[in-house]
């Protein structure tokens, strides 16, 4: 009986090991802000190399809170609204980027200056928390290396008007 126990235990454990949560995060960046801005956008790429998971929350010392948002079209105006969780499919990559899902830093404690860096900690449903360093890019940038201004019609103030 004993000689069957170890191989049986390994067979039973293998599916769980194959689906163990494994998350990697890359390309974390934020747009520069002015002294009067109290909100800012944080963007990054999440790859789920394990089983299905969900991004539940994020935090950073640069702001009172980081909230997961998505950008949606409301007629001719793009608006942002909070999202409670972001599903992550096994083997897939999700890019948090301007005009899509992103992290909204609310209650900024100081302006985000180009070239500055700060930590962002992501909390997942299954995987352990992941902390990455975000680099601040140019104001209005559409990617970390580009200085392209935000799309016309983007209503950053709408997030405060949404229920």
N, C-alpha and C. Protein backbone atom coordinates (compact mmCIF):
# COMPACT_ATOMS: atom_id res chain seq x y z
N UNK A 1 0.83 -1.20 0.00
CA UNK A 1 0.00 0.00 0.00
C UNK A 1 0.86 1.26 0.00
N UNK A 2 1.95 1.24 0.79
CA UNK A 2 2.82 2.41 0.88
C UNK A 2 3.47 2.77 -0.44
N UNK A 3 3.86 1.79 -1.21
CA UNK A 3 4.54 2.09 -2.45
C UNK A 3 3.62 2.76 -3.47
N UNK A 4 2.31 2.65 -3.31
CA UNK A 4 1.37 3.31 -4.21
C UNK A 4 1.01 4.71 -3.72
N UNK A 5 1.22 4.97 -2.45
CA UNK A 5 0.81 6.25 -1.88
C UNK A 5 1.55 7.44 -2.50
N UNK A 6 2.87 7.38 -2.63
CA UNK A 6 3.65 8.49 -3.16
C UNK A 6 3.30 8.76 -4.63
N UNK A 7 3.30 7.75 -5.51
CA UNK A 7 2.92 8.05 -6.90
C UNK A 7 1.49 8.58 -7.00
N UNK A 8 0.57 8.05 -6.22
CA UNK A 8 -0.81 8.53 -6.25
C UNK A 8 -0.89 9.97 -5.76
N UNK A 9 -0.15 10.29 -4.71
CA UNK A 9 -0.14 11.66 -4.20
C UNK A 9 0.42 12.62 -5.25
N UNK A 10 1.46 12.21 -5.97
CA UNK A 10 2.02 13.06 -7.01
C UNK A 10 1.02 13.26 -8.15
N UNK A 11 0.32 12.22 -8.54
CA UNK A 11 -0.67 12.34 -9.60
C UNK A 11 -1.80 13.28 -9.21
N UNK A 12 -2.21 13.20 -7.97
CA UNK A 12 -3.29 14.07 -7.49
C UNK A 12 -2.83 15.51 -7.37
N UNK A 13 -1.57 15.71 -7.01
CA UNK A 13 -1.06 17.06 -6.83
C UNK A 13 -0.69 17.73 -8.15
N UNK A 14 -0.38 16.96 -9.19
CA UNK A 14 0.08 17.54 -10.44
C UNK A 14 -0.90 18.54 -11.06
N UNK A 15 -2.19 18.25 -11.15
CA UNK A 15 -3.09 19.25 -11.73
C UNK A 15 -3.09 20.55 -10.93
N UNK A 16 -2.99 20.47 -9.63
CA UNK A 16 -2.96 21.68 -8.80
C UNK A 16 -1.67 22.46 -9.05
N UNK A 17 -0.54 21.74 -9.20
CA UNK A 17 0.72 22.42 -9.46
C UNK A 17 0.70 23.07 -10.85
N UNK A 18 0.09 22.42 -11.81
CA UNK A 18 0.04 22.95 -13.16
C UNK A 18 -0.81 24.22 -13.22
N UNK A 19 -1.77 24.37 -12.33
CA UNK A 19 -2.66 25.51 -12.32
C UNK A 19 -2.32 26.52 -11.23
N UNK A 20 -1.15 26.35 -10.60
CA UNK A 20 -0.76 27.27 -9.53
C UNK A 20 -0.68 28.69 -10.08
N UNK A 21 -1.16 29.66 -9.31
CA UNK A 21 -1.12 31.04 -9.79
C UNK A 21 0.31 31.52 -9.98
N UNK A 22 0.55 32.13 -11.12
CA UNK A 22 1.86 32.68 -11.41
C UNK A 22 1.65 33.93 -12.26
N UNK A 23 2.01 35.06 -11.72
CA UNK A 23 1.76 36.35 -12.36
C UNK A 23 3.08 37.08 -12.56
N UNK A 24 3.25 37.68 -13.73
CA UNK A 24 4.38 38.58 -13.93
C UNK A 24 3.84 39.93 -14.38
N UNK A 25 4.51 40.98 -13.96
CA UNK A 25 4.09 42.34 -14.27
C UNK A 25 5.27 43.07 -14.88
N UNK A 26 5.04 43.79 -15.98
CA UNK A 26 6.11 44.50 -16.66
C UNK A 26 5.60 45.86 -17.15
N UNK A 27 6.54 46.68 -17.59
CA UNK A 27 6.24 47.96 -18.24
C UNK A 27 5.35 48.88 -17.40
N UNK A 28 5.61 48.97 -16.11
CA UNK A 28 4.82 49.85 -15.24
C UNK A 28 5.26 51.30 -15.44
N UNK A 29 4.28 52.18 -15.68
CA UNK A 29 4.59 53.58 -15.89
C UNK A 29 3.39 54.44 -15.55
N UNK A 30 3.61 55.72 -15.43
CA UNK A 30 2.55 56.68 -15.13
C UNK A 30 2.80 57.94 -15.94
N UNK A 31 1.75 58.72 -16.11
CA UNK A 31 1.89 60.00 -16.78
C UNK A 31 2.29 61.06 -15.75
N UNK A 32 3.12 62.00 -16.18
CA UNK A 32 3.48 63.12 -15.32
C UNK A 32 2.23 63.96 -15.04
N UNK A 33 2.21 64.59 -13.87
CA UNK A 33 1.09 65.44 -13.47
C UNK A 33 1.60 66.83 -13.10
N UNK A 34 0.67 67.75 -12.99
CA UNK A 34 1.01 69.10 -12.54
C UNK A 34 0.78 69.20 -11.03
N UNK A 35 1.22 70.30 -10.44
CA UNK A 35 1.07 70.48 -9.00
C UNK A 35 -0.39 70.52 -8.57
N UNK A 36 -1.29 70.95 -9.46
CA UNK A 36 -2.70 71.07 -9.08
C UNK A 36 -3.49 69.77 -9.28
N UNK A 37 -2.92 68.78 -9.95
CA UNK A 37 -3.63 67.53 -10.18
C UNK A 37 -3.63 66.65 -8.93
N UNK A 38 -4.79 66.07 -8.64
CA UNK A 38 -4.90 65.16 -7.51
C UNK A 38 -5.11 63.71 -7.95
N UNK A 39 -5.23 63.49 -9.27
CA UNK A 39 -5.37 62.13 -9.82
C UNK A 39 -4.36 61.93 -10.94
N UNK A 40 -4.01 60.68 -11.17
CA UNK A 40 -3.09 60.34 -12.24
C UNK A 40 -3.31 58.91 -12.68
N UNK A 41 -2.85 58.57 -13.88
CA UNK A 41 -3.01 57.23 -14.41
C UNK A 41 -1.74 56.41 -14.28
N UNK A 42 -1.91 55.13 -13.94
CA UNK A 42 -0.81 54.18 -13.84
C UNK A 42 -1.13 53.02 -14.79
N UNK A 43 -0.13 52.60 -15.56
CA UNK A 43 -0.34 51.61 -16.60
C UNK A 43 0.72 50.53 -16.49
N UNK A 44 0.39 49.31 -16.91
CA UNK A 44 1.32 48.19 -16.83
C UNK A 44 0.79 47.01 -17.61
N UNK A 45 1.59 45.97 -17.71
CA UNK A 45 1.21 44.75 -18.41
C UNK A 45 1.28 43.58 -17.44
N UNK A 46 0.20 42.81 -17.38
CA UNK A 46 0.12 41.64 -16.49
C UNK A 46 0.04 40.39 -17.35
N UNK A 47 0.89 39.41 -17.05
CA UNK A 47 0.84 38.12 -17.74
C UNK A 47 0.56 37.04 -16.70
N UNK A 48 -0.48 36.25 -16.97
CA UNK A 48 -0.85 35.15 -16.09
C UNK A 48 -0.33 33.86 -16.71
N UNK A 49 0.73 33.30 -16.13
CA UNK A 49 1.32 32.08 -16.66
C UNK A 49 0.86 30.84 -15.88
N UNK A 50 -0.06 31.02 -14.94
CA UNK A 50 -0.58 29.91 -14.17
C UNK A 50 -2.05 29.71 -14.46
N UNK A 51 -2.81 29.43 -13.41
CA UNK A 51 -4.24 29.24 -13.55
C UNK A 51 -4.97 30.57 -13.57
N UNK A 52 -6.27 30.55 -13.86
CA UNK A 52 -7.06 31.78 -13.89
C UNK A 52 -6.97 32.52 -12.55
N UNK A 53 -7.00 33.83 -12.61
CA UNK A 53 -6.88 34.65 -11.41
C UNK A 53 -7.64 35.95 -11.65
N UNK A 54 -7.61 36.84 -10.67
CA UNK A 54 -8.23 38.15 -10.82
C UNK A 54 -7.39 39.18 -10.08
N UNK A 55 -7.19 40.34 -10.72
CA UNK A 55 -6.57 41.48 -10.04
C UNK A 55 -7.65 42.12 -9.20
N UNK A 56 -7.42 42.20 -7.89
CA UNK A 56 -8.43 42.73 -6.98
C UNK A 56 -8.19 44.18 -6.58
N UNK A 57 -6.92 44.55 -6.40
CA UNK A 57 -6.64 45.91 -5.94
C UNK A 57 -5.18 46.25 -6.19
N UNK A 58 -4.87 47.52 -5.97
CA UNK A 58 -3.50 48.00 -6.09
C UNK A 58 -3.28 49.09 -5.05
N UNK A 59 -2.03 49.31 -4.70
CA UNK A 59 -1.70 50.36 -3.74
C UNK A 59 -0.32 50.92 -4.06
N UNK A 60 -0.10 52.16 -3.61
CA UNK A 60 1.20 52.81 -3.78
C UNK A 60 1.29 53.94 -2.79
N UNK A 61 2.49 54.22 -2.30
CA UNK A 61 2.66 55.33 -1.36
C UNK A 61 2.49 56.71 -2.02
N UNK A 62 2.38 56.79 -3.34
CA UNK A 62 2.26 58.08 -4.02
C UNK A 62 0.86 58.68 -3.92
N UNK A 63 -0.13 57.87 -3.51
CA UNK A 63 -1.52 58.33 -3.50
C UNK A 63 -2.28 57.73 -2.33
N UNK A 64 -3.39 58.37 -1.99
CA UNK A 64 -4.25 57.84 -0.94
C UNK A 64 -4.80 56.48 -1.35
N UNK A 65 -5.11 56.32 -2.65
CA UNK A 65 -5.62 55.04 -3.13
C UNK A 65 -5.37 54.88 -4.63
N UNK A 66 -5.20 53.63 -5.04
CA UNK A 66 -5.17 53.27 -6.45
C UNK A 66 -6.42 52.44 -6.71
N UNK A 67 -7.15 52.80 -7.74
CA UNK A 67 -8.40 52.12 -8.04
C UNK A 67 -8.34 51.62 -9.48
N UNK A 68 -8.80 50.39 -9.70
CA UNK A 68 -8.86 49.83 -11.04
C UNK A 68 -10.03 50.47 -11.78
N UNK A 69 -9.74 51.00 -12.99
CA UNK A 69 -10.76 51.66 -13.81
C UNK A 69 -10.75 51.08 -15.21
N UNK A 70 -11.86 51.28 -15.90
CA UNK A 70 -11.93 51.00 -17.33
C UNK A 70 -12.48 52.23 -18.02
N UNK A 71 -12.10 52.41 -19.27
CA UNK A 71 -12.58 53.51 -20.07
C UNK A 71 -13.68 52.97 -20.98
N UNK A 72 -14.82 53.64 -21.00
CA UNK A 72 -15.94 53.22 -21.83
C UNK A 72 -16.44 54.40 -22.65
N UNK A 73 -17.02 54.09 -23.80
CA UNK A 73 -17.59 55.12 -24.65
C UNK A 73 -19.01 55.42 -24.20
N UNK A 74 -19.31 56.70 -24.06
CA UNK A 74 -20.66 57.17 -23.74
C UNK A 74 -21.00 58.20 -24.81
N UNK A 75 -21.54 57.72 -25.92
CA UNK A 75 -21.75 58.61 -27.06
C UNK A 75 -20.40 58.96 -27.66
N UNK A 76 -20.14 60.26 -27.77
CA UNK A 76 -18.86 60.74 -28.32
C UNK A 76 -17.81 61.01 -27.24
N UNK A 77 -18.13 60.70 -25.99
CA UNK A 77 -17.22 61.00 -24.89
C UNK A 77 -16.75 59.70 -24.24
N UNK A 78 -15.45 59.63 -23.98
CA UNK A 78 -14.89 58.49 -23.26
C UNK A 78 -14.92 58.82 -21.77
N UNK A 79 -15.46 57.89 -20.98
CA UNK A 79 -15.55 58.08 -19.53
C UNK A 79 -14.88 56.91 -18.83
N UNK A 80 -14.46 57.17 -17.60
CA UNK A 80 -13.84 56.13 -16.79
C UNK A 80 -14.78 55.74 -15.67
N UNK A 81 -14.75 54.45 -15.35
CA UNK A 81 -15.55 53.98 -14.21
C UNK A 81 -14.77 52.90 -13.46
N UNK A 82 -15.00 52.83 -12.16
CA UNK A 82 -14.30 51.83 -11.34
C UNK A 82 -14.72 50.41 -11.73
N UNK A 83 -13.80 49.48 -11.55
CA UNK A 83 -14.04 48.06 -11.78
C UNK A 83 -13.65 47.34 -10.50
N UNK A 84 -14.49 46.40 -10.05
CA UNK A 84 -14.20 45.71 -8.79
C UNK A 84 -13.06 44.70 -8.91
N UNK A 85 -12.91 44.07 -10.08
CA UNK A 85 -11.84 43.09 -10.29
C UNK A 85 -11.61 42.93 -11.79
N UNK A 86 -10.39 42.57 -12.14
CA UNK A 86 -10.04 42.34 -13.54
C UNK A 86 -9.70 40.86 -13.72
N UNK A 87 -10.54 40.12 -14.47
CA UNK A 87 -10.24 38.70 -14.70
C UNK A 87 -8.96 38.52 -15.50
N UNK A 88 -8.18 37.52 -15.12
CA UNK A 88 -6.93 37.19 -15.81
C UNK A 88 -7.00 35.74 -16.24
N UNK A 89 -7.04 35.50 -17.54
CA UNK A 89 -7.13 34.15 -18.06
C UNK A 89 -5.74 33.51 -18.08
N UNK A 90 -5.70 32.22 -17.81
CA UNK A 90 -4.44 31.49 -17.81
C UNK A 90 -3.76 31.61 -19.17
N UNK A 91 -2.47 31.91 -19.15
CA UNK A 91 -1.70 32.00 -20.37
C UNK A 91 -1.91 33.27 -21.17
N UNK A 92 -2.61 34.25 -20.62
CA UNK A 92 -2.92 35.47 -21.35
C UNK A 92 -2.22 36.68 -20.74
N UNK A 93 -2.09 37.71 -21.55
CA UNK A 93 -1.51 38.98 -21.13
C UNK A 93 -2.57 40.06 -21.23
N UNK A 94 -2.66 40.90 -20.21
CA UNK A 94 -3.60 42.02 -20.20
C UNK A 94 -2.79 43.30 -20.03
N UNK A 95 -3.02 44.25 -20.92
CA UNK A 95 -2.30 45.52 -20.85
C UNK A 95 -3.22 46.58 -20.27
N UNK A 96 -2.81 47.17 -19.16
CA UNK A 96 -3.50 48.33 -18.61
C UNK A 96 -2.87 49.53 -19.28
N UNK A 97 -3.67 50.26 -20.07
CA UNK A 97 -3.13 51.33 -20.91
C UNK A 97 -4.14 52.46 -21.03
N UNK A 98 -3.69 53.62 -21.46
CA UNK A 98 -4.62 54.74 -21.66
C UNK A 98 -5.74 54.34 -22.62
N UNK A 99 -6.97 54.72 -22.27
CA UNK A 99 -8.12 54.41 -23.10
C UNK A 99 -8.68 53.02 -22.88
N UNK A 100 -8.23 52.33 -21.88
CA UNK A 100 -8.64 50.95 -21.60
C UNK A 100 -8.66 50.76 -20.08
N UNK A 101 -8.36 49.56 -19.63
CA UNK A 101 -8.19 49.35 -18.20
C UNK A 101 -6.94 50.09 -17.76
N UNK A 102 -6.97 50.62 -16.55
CA UNK A 102 -5.82 51.33 -15.98
C UNK A 102 -6.01 51.46 -14.47
N UNK A 103 -4.98 51.88 -13.79
CA UNK A 103 -5.08 52.17 -12.36
C UNK A 103 -5.16 53.67 -12.21
N UNK A 104 -6.12 54.13 -11.43
CA UNK A 104 -6.29 55.55 -11.19
C UNK A 104 -5.74 55.86 -9.81
N UNK A 105 -4.69 56.68 -9.77
CA UNK A 105 -4.09 57.11 -8.49
C UNK A 105 -4.88 58.33 -8.02
N UNK A 106 -5.57 58.20 -6.92
CA UNK A 106 -6.41 59.29 -6.41
C UNK A 106 -5.86 59.80 -5.09
N UNK A 107 -5.87 61.12 -4.95
CA UNK A 107 -5.28 61.72 -3.76
C UNK A 107 -3.76 61.70 -3.84
N UNK A 108 -3.22 62.12 -5.00
CA UNK A 108 -1.76 62.16 -5.14
C UNK A 108 -1.14 62.99 -4.02
N UNK A 109 -0.08 62.49 -3.46
CA UNK A 109 0.59 63.16 -2.35
C UNK A 109 1.60 64.20 -2.81
N UNK A 110 1.98 64.13 -4.09
CA UNK A 110 2.88 65.10 -4.71
C UNK A 110 2.77 64.91 -6.22
N UNK A 111 3.18 65.90 -6.99
CA UNK A 111 3.13 65.75 -8.45
C UNK A 111 4.04 64.61 -8.90
N UNK A 112 3.63 63.96 -9.99
CA UNK A 112 4.46 62.91 -10.60
C UNK A 112 5.34 63.58 -11.65
N UNK A 113 6.62 63.59 -11.43
CA UNK A 113 7.58 64.27 -12.31
C UNK A 113 8.23 63.28 -13.27
N UNK A 114 8.40 63.66 -14.54
CA UNK A 114 9.04 62.76 -15.51
C UNK A 114 10.38 62.23 -14.99
N UNK A 115 10.55 60.93 -15.14
CA UNK A 115 11.78 60.28 -14.69
C UNK A 115 11.73 59.74 -13.28
N UNK A 116 10.77 60.21 -12.47
CA UNK A 116 10.64 59.70 -11.10
C UNK A 116 10.14 58.25 -11.13
N UNK A 117 10.39 57.53 -10.05
CA UNK A 117 9.90 56.15 -9.93
C UNK A 117 9.18 55.99 -8.61
N UNK A 118 8.29 54.99 -8.56
CA UNK A 118 7.55 54.69 -7.33
C UNK A 118 7.06 53.24 -7.37
N UNK A 119 6.88 52.62 -6.19
CA UNK A 119 6.40 51.23 -6.16
C UNK A 119 4.88 51.16 -6.31
N UNK A 120 4.43 50.09 -6.94
CA UNK A 120 3.01 49.77 -7.06
C UNK A 120 2.87 48.31 -6.65
N UNK A 121 1.98 48.03 -5.71
CA UNK A 121 1.73 46.66 -5.28
C UNK A 121 0.36 46.22 -5.77
N UNK A 122 0.33 45.10 -6.50
CA UNK A 122 -0.91 44.54 -7.02
C UNK A 122 -1.32 43.36 -6.16
N UNK A 123 -2.61 43.29 -5.84
CA UNK A 123 -3.14 42.19 -5.03
C UNK A 123 -4.09 41.37 -5.89
N UNK A 124 -3.86 40.06 -5.90
CA UNK A 124 -4.63 39.14 -6.72
C UNK A 124 -5.48 38.23 -5.85
N UNK A 125 -6.47 37.60 -6.45
CA UNK A 125 -7.34 36.69 -5.73
C UNK A 125 -6.57 35.45 -5.27
N UNK A 126 -5.72 34.90 -6.13
CA UNK A 126 -5.01 33.65 -5.82
C UNK A 126 -3.50 33.82 -5.71
N UNK A 127 -2.91 34.53 -6.64
CA UNK A 127 -1.45 34.71 -6.64
C UNK A 127 -1.04 35.63 -5.50
N UNK A 128 0.19 35.50 -5.04
CA UNK A 128 0.68 36.42 -4.01
C UNK A 128 0.82 37.83 -4.58
N UNK A 129 0.83 38.84 -3.72
CA UNK A 129 0.99 40.22 -4.20
C UNK A 129 2.29 40.39 -4.98
N UNK A 130 2.24 41.29 -5.96
CA UNK A 130 3.41 41.59 -6.79
C UNK A 130 3.67 43.09 -6.68
N UNK A 131 4.91 43.45 -6.36
CA UNK A 131 5.30 44.86 -6.31
C UNK A 131 6.25 45.14 -7.47
N UNK A 132 5.95 46.20 -8.22
CA UNK A 132 6.78 46.62 -9.34
C UNK A 132 7.12 48.10 -9.17
N UNK A 133 8.12 48.54 -9.88
CA UNK A 133 8.50 49.96 -9.86
C UNK A 133 7.99 50.61 -11.15
N UNK A 134 7.19 51.66 -10.99
CA UNK A 134 6.67 52.41 -12.14
C UNK A 134 7.55 53.63 -12.38
N UNK A 135 7.75 53.95 -13.64
CA UNK A 135 8.52 55.13 -14.03
C UNK A 135 7.56 56.16 -14.61
N UNK A 136 7.74 57.41 -14.23
CA UNK A 136 6.87 58.48 -14.70
C UNK A 136 7.36 58.97 -16.06
N UNK A 137 6.44 58.98 -17.03
CA UNK A 137 6.72 59.47 -18.38
C UNK A 137 6.20 60.89 -18.54
N UNK A 138 6.12 61.34 -19.77
CA UNK A 138 5.65 62.69 -20.06
C UNK A 138 4.16 62.83 -19.79
N UNK A 139 3.71 64.04 -19.51
CA UNK A 139 2.29 64.32 -19.33
C UNK A 139 1.57 64.01 -20.64
N UNK A 140 0.45 63.31 -20.56
CA UNK A 140 -0.35 63.00 -21.74
C UNK A 140 0.21 61.89 -22.61
N UNK A 141 1.28 61.21 -22.18
CA UNK A 141 1.88 60.16 -23.00
C UNK A 141 0.90 59.01 -23.21
N UNK A 142 1.00 58.35 -24.37
CA UNK A 142 0.16 57.19 -24.64
C UNK A 142 0.90 55.88 -24.39
N UNK A 143 2.21 55.97 -24.15
CA UNK A 143 3.02 54.81 -23.79
C UNK A 143 4.24 55.34 -23.03
N UNK A 144 4.99 54.47 -22.37
CA UNK A 144 6.09 54.96 -21.55
C UNK A 144 7.15 55.73 -22.33
N UNK A 145 7.34 55.42 -23.60
CA UNK A 145 8.40 56.06 -24.36
C UNK A 145 7.91 57.16 -25.28
N UNK A 146 6.59 57.36 -25.32
CA UNK A 146 6.04 58.33 -26.27
C UNK A 146 5.45 59.52 -25.53
N UNK A 147 5.43 60.65 -26.17
CA UNK A 147 4.87 61.85 -25.58
C UNK A 147 3.57 62.24 -26.25
N UNK A 148 2.88 61.31 -26.86
CA UNK A 148 1.64 61.61 -27.57
C UNK A 148 0.56 62.02 -26.59
N UNK A 149 -0.14 63.06 -26.90
CA UNK A 149 -1.19 63.56 -26.02
C UNK A 149 -2.37 62.61 -25.99
N UNK A 150 -3.16 62.74 -24.96
CA UNK A 150 -4.35 61.93 -24.76
C UNK A 150 -5.34 62.18 -25.89
N UNK A 151 -6.14 61.19 -26.20
CA UNK A 151 -7.12 61.29 -27.27
C UNK A 151 -8.13 62.39 -27.01
N UNK A 152 -8.55 63.14 -28.04
CA UNK A 152 -9.59 64.14 -27.86
C UNK A 152 -10.86 63.47 -27.38
N UNK A 153 -11.60 64.15 -26.54
CA UNK A 153 -12.85 63.60 -26.03
C UNK A 153 -12.69 62.79 -24.76
N UNK A 154 -11.47 62.55 -24.31
CA UNK A 154 -11.25 61.79 -23.08
C UNK A 154 -11.64 62.68 -21.91
N UNK A 155 -12.57 62.21 -21.11
CA UNK A 155 -13.09 63.00 -20.00
C UNK A 155 -12.59 62.43 -18.69
N UNK A 156 -11.41 62.89 -18.23
CA UNK A 156 -10.85 62.39 -16.97
C UNK A 156 -11.70 62.80 -15.78
N UNK A 157 -12.42 63.87 -15.87
CA UNK A 157 -13.27 64.29 -14.77
C UNK A 157 -14.52 63.46 -14.62
N UNK A 158 -14.89 62.70 -15.65
CA UNK A 158 -16.13 61.93 -15.62
C UNK A 158 -16.10 60.85 -14.55
N UNK A 159 -14.91 60.38 -14.17
CA UNK A 159 -14.85 59.32 -13.15
C UNK A 159 -15.47 59.78 -11.84
N UNK A 160 -15.42 61.07 -11.56
CA UNK A 160 -16.00 61.57 -10.33
C UNK A 160 -17.52 61.74 -10.45
N UNK A 161 -18.04 61.73 -11.68
CA UNK A 161 -19.47 61.90 -11.91
C UNK A 161 -20.19 60.56 -12.00
N UNK A 162 -19.43 59.48 -12.21
CA UNK A 162 -20.05 58.16 -12.39
C UNK A 162 -20.54 57.65 -11.05
N UNK A 163 -21.66 56.90 -11.06
CA UNK A 163 -22.15 56.31 -9.80
C UNK A 163 -21.25 55.23 -9.30
